[in-house]
PDB file of N, CA and C in Angstrom:
ATOM      1  N   UNK A   1     159.192  67.438 160.603  1.00  0.00           N
ATOM      2  CA  UNK A   1     157.781  67.851 160.802  1.00  0.00           C
ATOM      3  C   UNK A   1     157.315  66.704 159.502  1.00  0.00           C
ATOM      4  N   UNK A   2     155.870  67.288 159.536  1.00  0.00           N
ATOM      5  CA  UNK A   2     154.927  66.359 159.436  1.00  0.00           C
ATOM      6  C   UNK A   2     153.509  67.138 159.208  1.00  0.00           C
ATOM      7  N   UNK A   3     152.904  66.746 157.792  1.00  0.00           N
ATOM      8  CA  UNK A   3     151.533  67.237 157.846  1.00  0.00           C
ATOM      9  C   UNK A   3     150.929  66.386 157.033  1.00  0.00           C
ATOM     10  N   UNK A   4     149.609  66.535 156.874  1.00  0.00           N
ATOM     11  CA  UNK A   4     148.498  65.286 156.351  1.00  0.00           C
ATOM     12  C   UNK A   4     149.538  64.582 155.152  1.00  0.00           C
ATOM     13  N   UNK A   5     149.853  65.578 154.291  1.00  0.00           N
ATOM     14  CA  UNK A   5     150.226  64.983 153.174  1.00  0.00           C
ATOM     15  C   UNK A   5     151.413  65.225 152.483  1.00  0.00           C
ATOM     16  N   UNK A   6     152.415  65.326 153.567  1.00  0.00           N
ATOM     17  CA  UNK A   6     153.859  65.055 153.637  1.00  0.00           C
ATOM     18  C   UNK A   6     154.393  64.950 154.620  1.00  0.00           C
ATOM     19  N   UNK A   7     156.203  64.665 154.426  1.00  0.00           N
ATOM     20  CA  UNK A   7     156.725  64.400 155.762  1.00  0.00           C
ATOM     21  C   UNK A   7     157.972  64.712 155.873  1.00  0.00           C
ATOM     22  N   UNK A   8     158.944  65.499 156.642  1.00  0.00           N
ATOM     23  CA  UNK A   8     159.929  66.048 156.243  1.00  0.00           C
ATOM     24  C   UNK A   8     160.941  65.163 157.177  1.00  0.00           C
ATOM     25  N   UNK A   9     162.082  64.671 156.547  1.00  0.00           N
ATOM     26  CA  UNK A   9     163.044  63.547 157.495  1.00  0.00           C
ATOM     27  C   UNK A   9     164.088  63.552 157.155  1.00  0.00           C
ATOM     28  N   UNK A  10     165.011  62.916 158.056  1.00  0.00           N
ATOM     29  CA  UNK A  10     166.495  63.475 157.771  1.00  0.00           C
ATOM     30  C   UNK A  10     167.256  61.774 157.673  1.00  0.00           C
ATOM     31  N   UNK A  11     167.898  61.494 156.620  1.00  0.00           N
ATOM     32  CA  UNK A  11     168.997  60.431 156.331  1.00  0.00           C
ATOM     33  C   UNK A  11     170.280  61.111 156.597  1.00  0.00           C
ATOM     34  N   UNK A  12     170.827  60.866 157.611  1.00  0.00           N
ATOM     35  CA  UNK A  12     172.273  61.472 157.173  1.00  0.00           C
ATOM     36  C   UNK A  12     172.465  63.036 157.334  1.00  0.00           C
ATOM     37  N   UNK A  13     172.998  63.398 155.806  1.00  0.00           N
ATOM     38  CA  UNK A  13     173.009  64.861 155.970  1.00  0.00           C
ATOM     39  C   UNK A  13     172.210  65.248 154.908  1.00  0.00           C
ATOM     40  N   UNK A  14     171.012  64.552 154.853  1.00  0.00           N
ATOM     41  CA  UNK A  14     170.439  64.638 153.528  1.00  0.00           C
ATOM     42  C   UNK A  14     168.665  64.491 154.280  1.00  0.00           C
ATOM     43  N   UNK A  15     168.084  65.929 153.558  1.00  0.00           N
ATOM     44  CA  UNK A  15     166.977  66.116 154.343  1.00  0.00           C
ATOM     45  C   UNK A  15     165.938  64.979 152.758  1.00  0.00           C
ATOM     46  N   UNK A  16     164.685  64.759 153.427  1.00  0.00           N
ATOM     47  CA  UNK A  16     164.033  63.959 152.533  1.00  0.00           C
ATOM     48  C   UNK A  16     162.666  64.254 152.798  1.00  0.00           C
ATOM     49  N   UNK A  17     161.970  65.050 151.577  1.00  0.00           N
ATOM     50  CA  UNK A  17     159.998  65.570 151.887  1.00  0.00           C
ATOM     51  C   UNK A  17     159.456  64.331 151.205  1.00  0.00           C
ATOM     52  N   UNK A  18     159.046  63.716 151.726  1.00  0.00           N
ATOM     53  CA  UNK A  18     158.403  62.519 151.271  1.00  0.00           C
ATOM     54  C   UNK A  18     156.547  62.988 150.955  1.00  0.00           C
ATOM     55  N   UNK A  19     156.005  62.936 149.899  1.00  0.00           N
ATOM     56  CA  UNK A  19     154.848  63.572 149.537  1.00  0.00           C
ATOM     57  C   UNK A  19     153.966  62.033 149.732  1.00  0.00           C
ATOM     58  N   UNK A  20     152.779  62.471 150.271  1.00  0.00           N
ATOM     59  CA  UNK A  20     151.669  61.428 150.019  1.00  0.00           C
ATOM     60  C   UNK A  20     150.220  62.431 149.796  1.00  0.00           C
ATOM     61  N   UNK A  21     150.165  62.718 148.490  1.00  0.00           N
ATOM     62  CA  UNK A  21     148.823  63.660 148.009  1.00  0.00           C
ATOM     63  C   UNK A  21     148.045  62.926 147.197  1.00  0.00           C
ATOM     64  N   UNK A  22     146.779  62.913 147.778  1.00  0.00           N
ATOM     65  CA  UNK A  22     145.578  61.846 147.360  1.00  0.00           C
ATOM     66  C   UNK A  22     145.356  61.926 145.630  1.00  0.00           C
ATOM     67  N   UNK A  23     144.699  61.314 144.829  1.00  0.00           N
ATOM     68  CA  UNK A  23     144.572  61.501 143.689  1.00  0.00           C
ATOM     69  C   UNK A  23     143.466  62.789 143.495  1.00  0.00           C
ATOM     70  N   UNK A  24     142.786  63.288 144.301  1.00  0.00           N
ATOM     71  CA  UNK A  24     141.620  63.990 143.948  1.00  0.00           C
ATOM     72  C   UNK A  24     141.788  65.765 145.260  1.00  0.00           C
ATOM     73  N   UNK A  25     142.349  66.221 144.257  1.00  0.00           N
ATOM     74  CA  UNK A  25     142.796  67.020 145.770  1.00  0.00           C
ATOM     75  C   UNK A  25     142.076  68.986 144.686  1.00  0.00           C
ATOM     76  N   UNK A  26     141.475  69.523 145.478  1.00  0.00           N
ATOM     77  CA  UNK A  26     141.374  70.909 144.631  1.00  0.00           C
ATOM     78  C   UNK A  26     142.222  72.009 144.864  1.00  0.00           C
ATOM     79  N   UNK A  27     141.713  73.321 143.538  1.00  0.00           N
ATOM     80  CA  UNK A  27     143.502  73.850 143.775  1.00  0.00           C
ATOM     81  C   UNK A  27     143.319  74.605 145.418  1.00  0.00           C
ATOM     82  N   UNK A  28     142.944  75.113 146.159  1.00  0.00           N
ATOM     83  CA  UNK A  28     142.801  75.271 147.237  1.00  0.00           C
ATOM     84  C   UNK A  28     143.204  74.670 148.518  1.00  0.00           C
ATOM     85  N   UNK A  29     143.244  73.682 148.122  1.00  0.00           N
ATOM     86  CA  UNK A  29     143.859  72.737 149.072  1.00  0.00           C
ATOM     87  C   UNK A  29     145.375  72.192 148.508  1.00  0.00           C
ATOM     88  N   UNK A  30     145.514  72.348 147.231  1.00  0.00           N
ATOM     89  CA  UNK A  30     146.885  72.533 146.902  1.00  0.00           C
ATOM     90  C   UNK A  30     147.670  73.569 146.848  1.00  0.00           C
ATOM     91  N   UNK A  31     147.111  75.093 146.878  1.00  0.00           N
ATOM     92  CA  UNK A  31     147.592  76.079 146.957  1.00  0.00           C
ATOM     93  C   UNK A  31     148.095  76.013 148.853  1.00  0.00           C
ATOM     94  N   UNK A  32     147.090  75.117 149.570  1.00  0.00           N
ATOM     95  CA  UNK A  32     147.821  75.330 150.909  1.00  0.00           C
ATOM     96  C   UNK A  32     148.958  74.560 150.915  1.00  0.00           C
ATOM     97  N   UNK A  33     148.811  73.353 150.104  1.00  0.00           N
ATOM     98  CA  UNK A  33     149.978  72.223 150.639  1.00  0.00           C
ATOM     99  C   UNK A  33     151.352  72.966 150.137  1.00  0.00           C
ATOM    100  N   UNK A  34     150.990  73.463 149.030  1.00  0.00           N
ATOM    101  CA  UNK A  34     152.343  73.861 148.159  1.00  0.00           C
ATOM    102  C   UNK A  34     152.834  75.298 149.463  1.00  0.00           C
ATOM    103  N   UNK A  35     152.264  76.110 150.308  1.00  0.00           N
ATOM    104  CA  UNK A  35     152.583  77.134 150.921  1.00  0.00           C
ATOM    105  C   UNK A  35     153.412  76.053 152.367  1.00  0.00           C
ATOM    106  N   UNK A  36     152.719  75.142 152.850  1.00  0.00           N
ATOM    107  CA  UNK A  36     153.435  74.451 153.598  1.00  0.00           C
ATOM    108  C   UNK A  36     154.830  73.590 153.622  1.00  0.00           C
ATOM    109  N   UNK A  37     154.564  73.091 152.420  1.00  0.00           N
ATOM    110  CA  UNK A  37     155.957  73.009 151.837  1.00  0.00           C
ATOM    111  C   UNK A  37     157.078  73.899 151.730  1.00  0.00           C
ATOM    112  N   UNK A  38     156.596  74.952 150.922  1.00  0.00           N
ATOM    113  CA  UNK A  38     157.654  76.358 150.782  1.00  0.00           C
ATOM    114  C   UNK A  38     158.209  76.293 152.233  1.00  0.00           C
ATOM    115  N   UNK A  39     156.961  76.638 153.156  1.00  0.00           N
ATOM    116  CA  UNK A  39     157.482  76.561 154.137  1.00  0.00           C
ATOM    117  C   UNK A  39     158.506  75.621 154.962  1.00  0.00           C
ATOM    118  N   UNK A  40     158.610  74.100 155.119  1.00  0.00           N
ATOM    119  CA  UNK A  40     158.772  73.344 155.898  1.00  0.00           C
ATOM    120  C   UNK A  40     160.460  73.510 154.860  1.00  0.00           C
ATOM    121  N   UNK A  41     160.549  73.406 153.926  1.00  0.00           N
ATOM    122  CA  UNK A  41     161.907  73.439 153.129  1.00  0.00           C
ATOM    123  C   UNK A  41     162.896  74.199 153.678  1.00  0.00           C
ATOM    124  N   UNK A  42     163.427  74.526 154.575  1.00  0.00           N
ATOM    125  CA  UNK A  42     164.155  75.445 155.247  1.00  0.00           C
ATOM    126  C   UNK A  42     165.689  75.072 154.466  1.00  0.00           C
ATOM    127  N   UNK A  43     166.490  75.801 154.005  1.00  0.00           N
ATOM    128  CA  UNK A  43     167.640  76.159 152.949  1.00  0.00           C
ATOM    129  C   UNK A  43     168.670  76.598 153.528  1.00  0.00           C
ATOM    130  N   UNK A  44     169.429  75.670 153.647  1.00  0.00           N
ATOM    131  CA  UNK A  44     170.606  76.621 154.573  1.00  0.00           C
ATOM    132  C   UNK A  44     171.657  76.190 153.503  1.00  0.00           C
ATOM    133  N   UNK A  45     172.895  76.849 153.403  1.00  0.00           N
ATOM    134  CA  UNK A  45     174.143  77.225 152.571  1.00  0.00           C
ATOM    135  C   UNK A  45     174.428  75.200 152.184  1.00  0.00           C
ATOM    136  N   UNK A  46     174.103  75.100 150.996  1.00  0.00           N
ATOM    137  CA  UNK A  46     174.513  73.782 150.654  1.00  0.00           C
ATOM    138  C   UNK A  46     174.033  72.474 151.009  1.00  0.00           C
ATOM    139  N   UNK A  47     172.647  73.014 151.695  1.00  0.00           N
ATOM    140  CA  UNK A  47     171.646  71.592 151.975  1.00  0.00           C
ATOM    141  C   UNK A  47     171.339  70.620 150.716  1.00  0.00           C
ATOM    142  N   UNK A  48     171.168  69.678 151.192  1.00  0.00           N
ATOM    143  CA  UNK A  48     170.758  68.426 150.290  1.00  0.00           C
ATOM    144  C   UNK A  48     169.433  68.120 150.637  1.00  0.00           C
ATOM    145  N   UNK A  49     168.704  67.830 149.467  1.00  0.00           N
ATOM    146  CA  UNK A  49     167.328  67.861 149.329  1.00  0.00           C
ATOM    147  C   UNK A  49     166.900  66.405 149.011  1.00  0.00           C
ATOM    148  N   UNK A  50     166.221  65.556 148.922  1.00  0.00           N
ATOM    149  CA  UNK A  50     165.353  64.398 148.260  1.00  0.00           C
ATOM    150  C   UNK A  50     164.291  64.883 148.381  1.00  0.00           C
ATOM    151  N   UNK A  51     163.371  64.453 147.276  1.00  0.00           N
ATOM    152  CA  UNK A  51     162.075  64.661 147.118  1.00  0.00           C
ATOM    153  C   UNK A  51     161.619  63.494 146.879  1.00  0.00           C
ATOM    154  N   UNK A  52     160.907  62.587 147.236  1.00  0.00           N
ATOM    155  CA  UNK A  52     160.061  61.271 146.932  1.00  0.00           C
ATOM    156  C   UNK A  52     158.951  61.691 146.614  1.00  0.00           C
ATOM    157  N   UNK A  53     158.653  60.866 145.568  1.00  0.00           N
ATOM    158  CA  UNK A  53     157.438  61.352 145.046  1.00  0.00           C
ATOM    159  C   UNK A  53     156.368  59.574 144.877  1.00  0.00           C
ATOM    160  N   UNK A  54     156.805  58.916 146.120  1.00  0.00           N
ATOM    161  CA  UNK A  54     156.607  57.508 145.451  1.00  0.00           C
ATOM    162  C   UNK A  54     154.929  57.628 146.233  1.00  0.00           C
ATOM    163  N   UNK A  55     154.446  58.544 146.894  1.00  0.00           N
ATOM    164  CA  UNK A  55     153.470  58.681 147.711  1.00  0.00           C
ATOM    165  C   UNK A  55     152.303  59.721 146.628  1.00  0.00           C
ATOM    166  N   UNK A  56     153.093  60.512 145.888  1.00  0.00           N
ATOM    167  CA  UNK A  56     152.029  61.293 144.671  1.00  0.00           C
ATOM    168  C   UNK A  56     151.314  60.670 144.047  1.00  0.00           C
ATOM    169  N   UNK A  57     149.813  60.931 144.479  1.00  0.00           N
ATOM    170  CA  UNK A  57     149.100  60.372 143.520  1.00  0.00           C
ATOM    171  C   UNK A  57     148.055  61.480 142.495  1.00  0.00           C
ATOM    172  N   UNK A  58     148.517  62.504 143.048  1.00  0.00           N
ATOM    173  CA  UNK A  58     147.995  63.840 142.520  1.00  0.00           C
ATOM    174  C   UNK A  58     148.320  64.248 141.284  1.00  0.00           C
ATOM    175  N   UNK A  59     147.980  64.837 140.246  1.00  0.00           N
ATOM    176  CA  UNK A  59     148.952  64.903 138.864  1.00  0.00           C
ATOM    177  C   UNK A  59     148.696  65.950 137.888  1.00  0.00           C
ATOM    178  N   UNK A  60     148.451  66.853 138.681  1.00  0.00           N
ATOM    179  CA  UNK A  60     147.959  68.537 138.296  1.00  0.00           C
ATOM    180  C   UNK A  60     149.167  68.860 137.464  1.00  0.00           C
ATOM    181  N   UNK A  61     149.175  70.171 136.957  1.00  0.00           N
ATOM    182  CA  UNK A  61     150.096  71.260 136.523  1.00  0.00           C
ATOM    183  C   UNK A  61     150.871  71.998 137.534  1.00  0.00           C
ATOM    184  N   UNK A  62     149.826  71.906 138.962  1.00  0.00           N
ATOM    185  CA  UNK A  62     150.452  72.459 139.973  1.00  0.00           C
ATOM    186  C   UNK A  62     151.688  71.725 140.735  1.00  0.00           C
ATOM    187  N   UNK A  63     151.434  70.559 140.469  1.00  0.00           N
ATOM    188  CA  UNK A  63     153.146  69.501 140.701  1.00  0.00           C
ATOM    189  C   UNK A  63     154.322  70.129 140.600  1.00  0.00           C
ATOM    190  N   UNK A  64     153.991  70.400 139.096  1.00  0.00           N
ATOM    191  CA  UNK A  64     155.010  70.262 137.889  1.00  0.00           C
ATOM    192  C   UNK A  64     155.416  71.862 138.584  1.00  0.00           C
ATOM    193  N   UNK A  65     154.903  72.680 138.688  1.00  0.00           N
ATOM    194  CA  UNK A  65     155.174  74.393 139.908  1.00  0.00           C
ATOM    195  C   UNK A  65     155.984  74.041 140.738  1.00  0.00           C
ATOM    196  N   UNK A  66     155.421  73.117 141.819  1.00  0.00           N
ATOM    197  CA  UNK A  66     155.620  73.274 143.232  1.00  0.00           C
ATOM    198  C   UNK A  66     157.490  72.429 142.847  1.00  0.00           C
ATOM    199  N   UNK A  67     157.432  71.710 141.924  1.00  0.00           N
ATOM    200  CA  UNK A  67     158.853  71.097 141.774  1.00  0.00           C
ATOM    201  C   UNK A  67     159.843  72.023 141.410  1.00  0.00           C
ATOM    202  N   UNK A  68     159.590  72.977 140.196  1.00  0.00           N
ATOM    203  CA  UNK A  68     160.151  73.511 139.980  1.00  0.00           C
ATOM    204  C   UNK A  68     160.509  75.096 141.176  1.00  0.00           C
ATOM    205  N   UNK A  69     159.529  75.232 141.862  1.00  0.00           N
ATOM    206  CA  UNK A  69     159.557  76.544 142.733  1.00  0.00           C
ATOM    207  C   UNK A  69     160.713  75.614 144.202  1.00  0.00           C
ATOM    208  N   UNK A  70     160.525  74.077 144.252  1.00  0.00           N
ATOM    209  CA  UNK A  70     161.328  73.744 144.982  1.00  0.00           C
ATOM    210  C   UNK A  70     162.889  73.498 144.480  1.00  0.00           C
ATOM    211  N   UNK A  71     162.961  73.261 143.637  1.00  0.00           N
ATOM    212  CA  UNK A  71     164.298  73.319 143.201  1.00  0.00           C
ATOM    213  C   UNK A  71     165.338  74.736 142.843  1.00  0.00           C
ATOM    214  N   UNK A  72     164.773  75.922 142.800  1.00  0.00           N
ATOM    215  CA  UNK A  72     164.990  77.126 142.516  1.00  0.00           C
ATOM    216  C   UNK A  72     164.989  77.252 144.604  1.00  0.00           C
ATOM    217  N   UNK A  73     164.318  77.030 145.117  1.00  0.00           N
ATOM    218  CA  UNK A  73     164.325  77.570 146.560  1.00  0.00           C
ATOM    219  C   UNK A  73     165.771  76.505 147.202  1.00  0.00           C
ATOM    220  N   UNK A  74     165.766  75.653 146.706  1.00  0.00           N
ATOM    221  CA  UNK A  74     167.285  74.960 146.959  1.00  0.00           C
ATOM    222  C   UNK A  74     168.349  74.998 146.071  1.00  0.00           C
ATOM    223  N   UNK A  75     168.392  75.627 145.105  1.00  0.00           N
ATOM    224  CA  UNK A  75     169.764  76.033 144.205  1.00  0.00           C
ATOM    225  C   UNK A  75     169.904  77.164 144.983  1.00  0.00           C
ATOM    226  N   UNK A  76     168.793  78.238 144.981  1.00  0.00           N
ATOM    227  CA  UNK A  76     169.305  79.719 145.256  1.00  0.00           C
ATOM    228  C   UNK A  76     170.153  79.596 146.741  1.00  0.00           C
ATOM    229  N   UNK A  77     169.920  78.378 147.688  1.00  0.00           N
ATOM    230  CA  UNK A  77     170.919  78.108 148.890  1.00  0.00           C
ATOM    231  C   UNK A  77     172.311  77.743 148.526  1.00  0.00           C
ATOM    232  N   UNK A  78     172.510  77.181 147.198  1.00  0.00           N
ATOM    233  CA  UNK A  78     173.749  76.483 147.213  1.00  0.00           C
ATOM    234  C   UNK A  78     173.175  75.198 146.742  1.00  0.00           C
ATOM    235  N   UNK A  79     172.326  74.589 147.236  1.00  0.00           N
ATOM    236  CA  UNK A  79     172.329  73.540 147.598  1.00  0.00           C
ATOM    237  C   UNK A  79     171.849  72.406 146.584  1.00  0.00           C
ATOM    238  N   UNK A  80     171.620  71.003 146.541  1.00  0.00           N
ATOM    239  CA  UNK A  80     171.329  70.194 145.985  1.00  0.00           C
ATOM    240  C   UNK A  80     170.005  69.314 146.374  1.00  0.00           C
ATOM    241  N   UNK A  81     168.993  68.840 144.901  1.00  0.00           N
ATOM    242  CA  UNK A  81     167.740  68.353 145.129  1.00  0.00           C
ATOM    243  C   UNK A  81     168.173  67.279 143.807  1.00  0.00           C
ATOM    244  N   UNK A  82     167.283  66.158 144.608  1.00  0.00           N
ATOM    245  CA  UNK A  82     166.927  65.259 143.837  1.00  0.00           C
ATOM    246  C   UNK A  82     165.637  64.074 143.836  1.00  0.00           C
ATOM    247  N   UNK A  83     165.369  64.098 142.589  1.00  0.00           N
ATOM    248  CA  UNK A  83     163.790  63.511 142.690  1.00  0.00           C
ATOM    249  C   UNK A  83     163.767  62.013 142.841  1.00  0.00           C
ATOM    250  N   UNK A  84     162.810  61.598 143.440  1.00  0.00           N
ATOM    251  CA  UNK A  84     162.907  59.801 143.187  1.00  0.00           C
ATOM    252  C   UNK A  84     161.179  59.368 143.095  1.00  0.00           C
ATOM    253  N   UNK A  85     161.536  58.130 143.150  1.00  0.00           N
ATOM    254  CA  UNK A  85     160.042  57.548 143.500  1.00  0.00           C
ATOM    255  C   UNK A  85     158.685  58.062 142.303  1.00  0.00           C
ATOM    256  N   UNK A  86     159.001  58.516 141.500  1.00  0.00           N
ATOM    257  CA  UNK A  86     158.194  58.870 140.149  1.00  0.00           C
ATOM    258  C   UNK A  86     157.466  57.573 139.871  1.00  0.00           C
ATOM    259  N   UNK A  87     155.766  58.165 139.744  1.00  0.00           N
ATOM    260  CA  UNK A  87     155.186  56.783 138.971  1.00  0.00           C
ATOM    261  C   UNK A  87     155.213  57.384 137.376  1.00  0.00           C
ATOM    262  N   UNK A  88     155.184  56.091 136.404  1.00  0.00           N
ATOM    263  CA  UNK A  88     155.499  56.331 135.082  1.00  0.00           C
ATOM    264  C   UNK A  88     155.089  57.244 134.618  1.00  0.00           C
ATOM    265  N   UNK A  89     153.355  57.979 135.307  1.00  0.00           N
ATOM    266  CA  UNK A  89     152.517  58.728 134.186  1.00  0.00           C
ATOM    267  C   UNK A  89     153.728  60.176 134.655  1.00  0.00           C
ATOM    268  N   UNK A  90     153.982  60.446 136.108  1.00  0.00           N
ATOM    269  CA  UNK A  90     154.712  61.643 136.267  1.00  0.00           C
ATOM    270  C   UNK A  90     156.007  61.742 135.242  1.00  0.00           C
ATOM    271  N   UNK A  91     156.470  60.536 135.298  1.00  0.00           N
ATOM    272  CA  UNK A  91     157.870  60.488 134.672  1.00  0.00           C
ATOM    273  C   UNK A  91     157.742  60.614 133.144  1.00  0.00           C
ATOM    274  N   UNK A  92     156.480  60.557 132.508  1.00  0.00           N
ATOM    275  CA  UNK A  92     156.672  60.949 131.226  1.00  0.00           C
ATOM    276  C   UNK A  92     156.204  62.283 130.896  1.00  0.00           C
ATOM    277  N   UNK A  93     155.389  62.666 131.773  1.00  0.00           N
ATOM    278  CA  UNK A  93     154.987  64.460 132.015  1.00  0.00           C
ATOM    279  C   UNK A  93     156.001  65.234 132.164  1.00  0.00           C
ATOM    280  N   UNK A  94     157.148  64.873 132.460  1.00  0.00           N
ATOM    281  CA  UNK A  94     158.439  65.283 133.024  1.00  0.00           C
ATOM    282  C   UNK A  94     159.323  65.264 131.702  1.00  0.00           C
ATOM    283  N   UNK A  95     159.541  64.024 131.300  1.00  0.00           N
ATOM    284  CA  UNK A  95     159.927  64.003 129.954  1.00  0.00           C
ATOM    285  C   UNK A  95     159.305  64.481 128.795  1.00  0.00           C
ATOM    286  N   UNK A  96     157.844  65.031 128.588  1.00  0.00           N
ATOM    287  CA  UNK A  96     157.010  65.769 127.593  1.00  0.00           C
ATOM    288  C   UNK A  96     157.509  67.444 127.752  1.00  0.00           C
ATOM    289  N   UNK A  97     157.544  67.438 129.333  1.00  0.00           N
ATOM    290  CA  UNK A  97     157.597  68.912 129.444  1.00  0.00           C
ATOM    291  C   UNK A  97     159.297  69.760 129.493  1.00  0.00           C
ATOM    292  N   UNK A  98     160.041  68.561 129.004  1.00  0.00           N
ATOM    293  CA  UNK A  98     161.642  68.636 129.307  1.00  0.00           C
ATOM    294  C   UNK A  98     161.925  68.802 130.536  1.00  0.00           C
ATOM    295  N   UNK A  99     161.391  68.647 131.299  1.00  0.00           N
ATOM    296  CA  UNK A  99     161.625  68.916 132.898  1.00  0.00           C
ATOM    297  C   UNK A  99     162.531  68.118 133.192  1.00  0.00           C
ATOM    298  N   UNK A 100     163.341  67.143 132.710  1.00  0.00           N
ATOM    299  CA  UNK A 100     164.392  66.117 132.972  1.00  0.00           C
ATOM    300  C   UNK A 100     165.686  66.781 133.270  1.00  0.00           C
ATOM    301  N   UNK A 101     165.530  67.655 132.058  1.00  0.00           N
ATOM    302  CA  UNK A 101     166.940  68.683 131.760  1.00  0.00           C
ATOM    303  C   UNK A 101     167.046  69.348 132.827  1.00  0.00           C
ATOM    304  N   UNK A 102     166.332  69.642 133.993  1.00  0.00           N
ATOM    305  CA  UNK A 102     166.183  70.553 135.279  1.00  0.00           C
ATOM    306  C   UNK A 102     166.579  69.724 136.018  1.00  0.00           C
ATOM    307  N   UNK A 103     166.011  68.841 136.365  1.00  0.00           N
ATOM    308  CA  UNK A 103     166.502  67.618 137.352  1.00  0.00           C
ATOM    309  C   UNK A 103     167.041  66.485 137.999  1.00  0.00           C
ATOM    310  N   UNK A 104     167.658  65.793 138.520  1.00  0.00           N
ATOM    311  CA  UNK A 104     168.412  64.985 138.606  1.00  0.00           C
ATOM    312  C   UNK A 104     167.494  64.087 139.516  1.00  0.00           C
ATOM    313  N   UNK A 105     166.911  63.162 138.451  1.00  0.00           N
ATOM    314  CA  UNK A 105     165.744  61.697 139.004  1.00  0.00           C
ATOM    315  C   UNK A 105     166.547  60.573 139.164  1.00  0.00           C
ATOM    316  N   UNK A 106     166.093  59.715 140.109  1.00  0.00           N
ATOM    317  CA  UNK A 106     166.402  58.680 140.346  1.00  0.00           C
ATOM    318  C   UNK A 106     165.102  57.503 140.931  1.00  0.00           C
ATOM    319  N   UNK A 107     165.473  56.258 140.363  1.00  0.00           N
ATOM    320  CA  UNK A 107     164.279  55.669 140.692  1.00  0.00           C
ATOM    321  C   UNK A 107     163.510  55.320 141.969  1.00  0.00           C
ATOM    322  N   UNK A 108     164.697  55.319 143.102  1.00  0.00           N
ATOM    323  CA  UNK A 108     164.234  55.160 144.313  1.00  0.00           C
ATOM    324  C   UNK A 108     165.090  55.984 145.715  1.00  0.00           C
ATOM    325  N   UNK A 109     164.566  55.947 146.808  1.00  0.00           N
ATOM    326  CA  UNK A 109     164.889  56.878 147.823  1.00  0.00           C
ATOM    327  C   UNK A 109     166.484  56.643 147.798  1.00  0.00           C
ATOM    328  N   UNK A 110     166.892  55.498 148.305  1.00  0.00           N
ATOM    329  CA  UNK A 110     168.133  55.314 148.637  1.00  0.00           C
ATOM    330  C   UNK A 110     169.117  55.427 147.476  1.00  0.00           C
ATOM    331  N   UNK A 111     169.101  55.276 146.078  1.00  0.00           N
ATOM    332  CA  UNK A 111     169.618  55.809 144.935  1.00  0.00           C
ATOM    333  C   UNK A 111     169.305  57.420 144.916  1.00  0.00           C
ATOM    334  N   UNK A 112     168.701  58.016 145.332  1.00  0.00           N
ATOM    335  CA  UNK A 112     168.418  59.482 145.492  1.00  0.00           C
ATOM    336  C   UNK A 112     169.480  59.914 146.233  1.00  0.00           C
ATOM    337  N   UNK A 113     169.412  59.361 147.653  1.00  0.00           N
ATOM    338  CA  UNK A 113     170.176  60.195 148.855  1.00  0.00           C
ATOM    339  C   UNK A 113     171.778  59.666 148.238  1.00  0.00           C
ATOM    340  N   UNK A 114     172.328  58.764 147.533  1.00  0.00           N
ATOM    341  CA  UNK A 114     173.601  58.796 147.302  1.00  0.00           C
ATOM    342  C   UNK A 114     174.023  59.456 146.062  1.00  0.00           C
ATOM    343  N   UNK A 115     172.855  59.990 145.144  1.00  0.00           N
ATOM    344  CA  UNK A 115     173.057  60.921 143.968  1.00  0.00           C
ATOM    345  C   UNK A 115     173.244  62.287 144.648  1.00  0.00           C
ATOM    346  N   UNK A 116     172.271  62.918 145.626  1.00  0.00           N
ATOM    347  CA  UNK A 116     172.520  64.003 146.227  1.00  0.00           C
ATOM    348  C   UNK A 116     173.618  64.433 146.875  1.00  0.00           C
ATOM    349  N   UNK A 117     174.396  63.482 147.442  1.00  0.00           N
ATOM    350  CA  UNK A 117     175.849  63.270 148.702  1.00  0.00           C
ATOM    351  C   UNK A 117     177.061  63.449 147.649  1.00  0.00           C
ATOM    352  N   UNK A 118     176.330  62.824 146.576  1.00  0.00           N
ATOM    353  CA  UNK A 118     177.954  62.967 145.514  1.00  0.00           C
ATOM    354  C   UNK A 118     178.506  64.620 145.188  1.00  0.00           C
TER     355      UNK A 118
END
């Protein structure tokens, strides 16, 4: 599945959601993006998801809400979720908000795919 600002692909047994969100996004556009992503993330029992944030340039608090919602959705289905590709600013926000305690975070997609399949 693909959208202008994200794409879902599969790497073996792992689903990868890659974000490509520009710097300036208004709240209405982000709300539509949030809804589209939540619809695209089909959770099956034991599903494994990697969220690749390398293309994410938007830094609003909505991003944090989206990540928490994705985590909750995947975990409710008994699945696993790993984040990767965070830029330093976003990683600092996660640290400041103590979100590193909620998420497994890896540097790149390969490491994330390996981590989620363990």
